[in-house]
Amino acid sequence: MRTADLTPTWGEWGNLFYRFALEGNRQSLETLHPDMAKAFAAAAAFVAIQPSLTEEQRLQANGVLEAEIRKQGVA
């Protein structure tokens, strides 16, 4: 049986966090705090390892980064 993966990407989570914050939805933000912590920790890890990536890996990572930022309407 095949299923569709409906797991939101980090960019999509970013949109949810932003909307909850704009609406003052403190309860939702508190519930999602562990996910926010993971997102910021992942960003720190990405920054830390970026100098050691090959050019191919850097291009792939930058493509993902740009796509996720676009999902949030920032770029």
Protein backbone atom coordinates (compact mmCIF):
# COMPACT_ATOMS: atom_id res chain seq x y z
CA MET A 1 0.00 0.00 0.00
CA ARG A 2 1.37 3.41 -0.97
CA THR A 3 0.76 6.48 1.14
CA ALA A 4 1.41 10.17 0.65
CA ASP A 5 3.92 11.82 2.95
CA LEU A 6 2.11 14.85 4.36
CA THR A 7 4.85 15.74 6.83
CA PRO A 8 5.41 19.50 6.68
CA THR A 9 8.86 20.74 5.72
CA TRP A 10 10.71 23.12 8.04
CA GLY A 11 9.71 25.99 5.77
CA GLU A 12 6.05 25.03 6.16
CA TRP A 13 6.54 24.78 9.95
CA GLY A 14 8.03 28.26 9.80
CA ASN A 15 4.82 29.54 8.25
CA LEU A 16 2.77 27.93 11.02
CA PHE A 17 4.96 29.45 13.75
CA TYR A 18 4.71 32.85 12.11
CA ARG A 19 0.92 32.70 11.80
CA PHE A 20 0.48 31.50 15.38
CA ALA A 21 2.69 34.35 16.59
CA LEU A 22 0.77 36.95 14.57
CA GLU A 23 -2.50 35.67 15.98
CA GLY A 24 -1.14 35.64 19.53
CA ASN A 25 -1.79 31.91 19.75
CA ARG A 26 0.48 31.31 22.74
CA GLN A 27 -0.82 27.80 23.49
CA SER A 28 0.05 26.55 20.00
CA LEU A 29 3.48 28.16 20.14
CA GLU A 30 4.19 26.56 23.51
CA THR A 31 3.13 23.16 22.15
CA LEU A 32 5.39 23.55 19.12
CA HIS A 33 8.38 24.85 21.10
CA PRO A 34 10.30 21.53 20.74
CA ASP A 35 9.95 21.80 16.95
CA MET A 36 11.18 25.39 17.01
CA ALA A 37 14.14 24.29 19.11
CA LYS A 38 14.98 21.56 16.56
CA ALA A 39 14.74 24.03 13.68
CA PHE A 40 17.13 26.51 15.29
CA ALA A 41 19.49 23.74 16.38
CA ALA A 42 19.50 22.40 12.82
CA ALA A 43 20.31 25.89 11.54
CA ALA A 44 23.26 26.10 13.92
CA ALA A 45 24.46 22.66 12.83
CA PHE A 46 24.18 23.65 9.18
CA VAL A 47 26.24 26.79 9.74
CA ALA A 48 28.86 24.77 11.65
CA ILE A 49 29.36 22.12 8.96
CA GLN A 50 28.94 24.29 5.87
CA PRO A 51 32.69 25.04 5.48
CA SER A 52 33.46 21.31 5.34
CA LEU A 53 30.94 20.50 2.60
CA THR A 54 32.02 19.67 -0.91
CA GLU A 55 30.95 22.07 -3.65
CA GLU A 56 28.24 19.60 -4.74
CA GLN A 57 26.92 19.30 -1.17
CA ARG A 58 27.01 23.08 -0.73
CA LEU A 59 24.97 23.56 -3.91
CA GLN A 60 22.44 20.95 -2.78
CA ALA A 61 22.15 22.47 0.70
CA ASN A 62 21.76 25.98 -0.72
CA GLY A 63 19.00 24.75 -3.04
CA VAL A 64 17.09 23.29 -0.11
CA LEU A 65 17.65 26.45 1.94
CA GLU A 66 16.35 28.68 -0.86
CA ALA A 67 13.28 26.47 -1.43
CA GLU A 68 12.37 26.49 2.26
CA ILE A 69 12.78 30.27 2.49
CA ARG A 70 10.53 30.70 -0.56
CA LYS A 71 7.87 28.56 1.15
CA GLN A 72 7.86 31.15 3.91
CA GLY A 73 7.42 33.99 1.45
CA VAL A 74 10.68 35.67 2.43
CA ALA A 75 12.63 35.41 -0.84
